[in-house]
């Protein structure tokens, strides 16, 4: 019984960390969210599961935003090398 409560609290903490890290380190947040989601499924904690899903979704959104910003910055830098006709 103590192991289940301990796993539930660690899944909850991982969910909160994945939400916080999503804004600064989205790849780390994705990993933390996935690990927390697996632990929340084992412990049966619905609240921790919600936090982990929110963290995973936020990290995926910020990864996509970062990729778009990176791609547009590359396109802007290569604009001088390849002028349009």
C-alpha atoms as a PDB file:
ATOM      1  CA  UNK A   1       0.000   0.000   0.000  1.00  0.00           C
ATOM      2  CA  UNK A   2       2.827   2.397   0.830  1.00  0.00           C
ATOM      3  CA  UNK A   3       4.489   1.712  -2.514  1.00  0.00           C
ATOM      4  CA  UNK A   4       1.319   2.667  -4.395  1.00  0.00           C
ATOM      5  CA  UNK A   5       1.001   5.960  -2.481  1.00  0.00           C
ATOM      6  CA  UNK A   6       4.688   6.664  -2.998  1.00  0.00           C
ATOM      7  CA  UNK A   7       4.380   5.960  -6.732  1.00  0.00           C
ATOM      8  CA  UNK A   8       1.300   8.177  -6.893  1.00  0.00           C
ATOM      9  CA  UNK A   9       3.127  11.103  -5.318  1.00  0.00           C
ATOM     10  CA  UNK A  10       6.160  10.669  -7.557  1.00  0.00           C
ATOM     11  CA  UNK A  11       3.888  10.565 -10.627  1.00  0.00           C
ATOM     12  CA  UNK A  12       2.204  13.767  -9.403  1.00  0.00           C
ATOM     13  CA  UNK A  13       5.576  15.490  -8.930  1.00  0.00           C
ATOM     14  CA  UNK A  14       6.733  14.362 -12.375  1.00  0.00           C
ATOM     15  CA  UNK A  15       3.528  15.776 -13.849  1.00  0.00           C
ATOM     16  CA  UNK A  16       4.110  19.171 -12.257  1.00  0.00           C
ATOM     17  CA  UNK A  17       7.750  19.160 -13.364  1.00  0.00           C
ATOM     18  CA  UNK A  18       6.776  18.260 -16.917  1.00  0.00           C
ATOM     19  CA  UNK A  19       4.429  21.262 -17.047  1.00  0.00           C
ATOM     20  CA  UNK A  20       7.110  23.613 -15.700  1.00  0.00           C
ATOM     21  CA  UNK A  21       9.878  22.235 -17.923  1.00  0.00           C
ATOM     22  CA  UNK A  22       7.642  22.421 -21.015  1.00  0.00           C
ATOM     23  CA  UNK A  23       8.256  26.173 -21.170  1.00  0.00           C
ATOM     24  CA  UNK A  24      12.066  25.951 -20.906  1.00  0.00           C
ATOM     25  CA  UNK A  25      13.160  22.437 -21.916  1.00  0.00           C
ATOM     26  CA  UNK A  26      10.369  20.769 -23.893  1.00  0.00           C
ATOM     27  CA  UNK A  27      12.349  17.591 -24.633  1.00  0.00           C
ATOM     28  CA  UNK A  28      13.054  17.021 -20.950  1.00  0.00           C
ATOM     29  CA  UNK A  29       9.401  17.764 -20.185  1.00  0.00           C
ATOM     30  CA  UNK A  30       8.315  15.167 -22.715  1.00  0.00           C
ATOM     31  CA  UNK A  31      10.487  12.515 -21.064  1.00  0.00           C
ATOM     32  CA  UNK A  32       9.300  13.471 -17.571  1.00  0.00           C
ATOM     33  CA  UNK A  33       5.681  13.440 -18.711  1.00  0.00           C
ATOM     34  CA  UNK A  34       5.958   9.996 -20.281  1.00  0.00           C
ATOM     35  CA  UNK A  35       7.668   8.530 -17.211  1.00  0.00           C
ATOM     36  CA  UNK A  36       5.084  10.139 -14.936  1.00  0.00           C
ATOM     37  CA  UNK A  37       2.236   8.871 -17.125  1.00  0.00           C
ATOM     38  CA  UNK A  38       3.519   5.304 -16.849  1.00  0.00           C
ATOM     39  CA  UNK A  39       3.809   5.641 -13.071  1.00  0.00           C
ATOM     40  CA  UNK A  40       0.354   7.159 -12.764  1.00  0.00           C
ATOM     41  CA  UNK A  41      -1.135   4.252 -14.710  1.00  0.00           C
ATOM     42  CA  UNK A  42       0.524   1.814 -12.296  1.00  0.00           C
ATOM     43  CA  UNK A  43      -0.650   3.696  -9.220  1.00  0.00           C
ATOM     44  CA  UNK A  44      -4.110   4.535 -10.584  1.00  0.00           C
ATOM     45  CA  UNK A  45      -3.872   8.232  -9.738  1.00  0.00           C
ATOM     46  CA  UNK A  46      -6.164  10.201 -12.040  1.00  0.00           C
ATOM     47  CA  UNK A  47      -4.948  13.606 -10.867  1.00  0.00           C
ATOM     48  CA  UNK A  48      -1.316  12.741 -11.628  1.00  0.00           C
ATOM     49  CA  UNK A  49      -2.392  11.315 -14.992  1.00  0.00           C
ATOM     50  CA  UNK A  50      -4.042  14.630 -15.935  1.00  0.00           C
ATOM     51  CA  UNK A  51      -0.949  16.637 -15.001  1.00  0.00           C
ATOM     52  CA  UNK A  52       1.296  14.328 -17.018  1.00  0.00           C
ATOM     53  CA  UNK A  53      -0.947  14.496 -20.080  1.00  0.00           C
ATOM     54  CA  UNK A  54      -1.000  18.302 -19.844  1.00  0.00           C
ATOM     55  CA  UNK A  55       2.817  18.304 -19.594  1.00  0.00           C
ATOM     56  CA  UNK A  56       3.161  16.015 -22.613  1.00  0.00           C
ATOM     57  CA  UNK A  57       0.787  18.111 -24.730  1.00  0.00           C
ATOM     58  CA  UNK A  58       2.499  21.381 -23.754  1.00  0.00           C
ATOM     59  CA  UNK A  59       5.940  19.966 -24.505  1.00  0.00           C
ATOM     60  CA  UNK A  60       4.817  18.738 -27.933  1.00  0.00           C
ATOM     61  CA  UNK A  61       3.327  22.170 -28.688  1.00  0.00           C
ATOM     62  CA  UNK A  62       6.534  23.939 -27.667  1.00  0.00           C
ATOM     63  CA  UNK A  63       8.682  21.479 -29.640  1.00  0.00           C
ATOM     64  CA  UNK A  64       6.610  22.270 -32.752  1.00  0.00           C
ATOM     65  CA  UNK A  65       6.843  26.022 -32.090  1.00  0.00           C
ATOM     66  CA  UNK A  66      10.628  25.753 -31.640  1.00  0.00           C
ATOM     67  CA  UNK A  67      10.974  23.784 -34.873  1.00  0.00           C
ATOM     68  CA  UNK A  68       8.945  26.377 -36.796  1.00  0.00           C
ATOM     69  CA  UNK A  69      10.985  29.250 -35.361  1.00  0.00           C
ATOM     70  CA  UNK A  70      14.214  27.404 -36.170  1.00  0.00           C
ATOM     71  CA  UNK A  71      13.085  26.670 -39.736  1.00  0.00           C
ATOM     72  CA  UNK A  72      12.014  30.246 -40.380  1.00  0.00           C
ATOM     73  CA  UNK A  73      15.276  31.588 -38.996  1.00  0.00           C
ATOM     74  CA  UNK A  74      17.180  29.269 -41.315  1.00  0.00           C
ATOM     75  CA  UNK A  75      15.074  30.402 -44.247  1.00  0.00           C
ATOM     76  CA  UNK A  76      15.745  34.017 -43.371  1.00  0.00           C
ATOM     77  CA  UNK A  77      19.503  33.446 -43.188  1.00  0.00           C
ATOM     78  CA  UNK A  78      19.639  31.590 -46.481  1.00  0.00           C
ATOM     79  CA  UNK A  79      17.596  34.270 -48.250  1.00  0.00           C
ATOM     80  CA  UNK A  80      20.743  36.198 -49.082  1.00  0.00           C
ATOM     81  CA  UNK A  81      22.502  33.123 -50.457  1.00  0.00           C
ATOM     82  CA  UNK A  82      19.677  32.056 -52.732  1.00  0.00           C
ATOM     83  CA  UNK A  83      17.944  35.144 -54.141  1.00  0.00           C
ATOM     84  CA  UNK A  84      14.548  34.612 -55.707  1.00  0.00           C
ATOM     85  CA  UNK A  85      14.193  35.276 -59.423  1.00  0.00           C
END
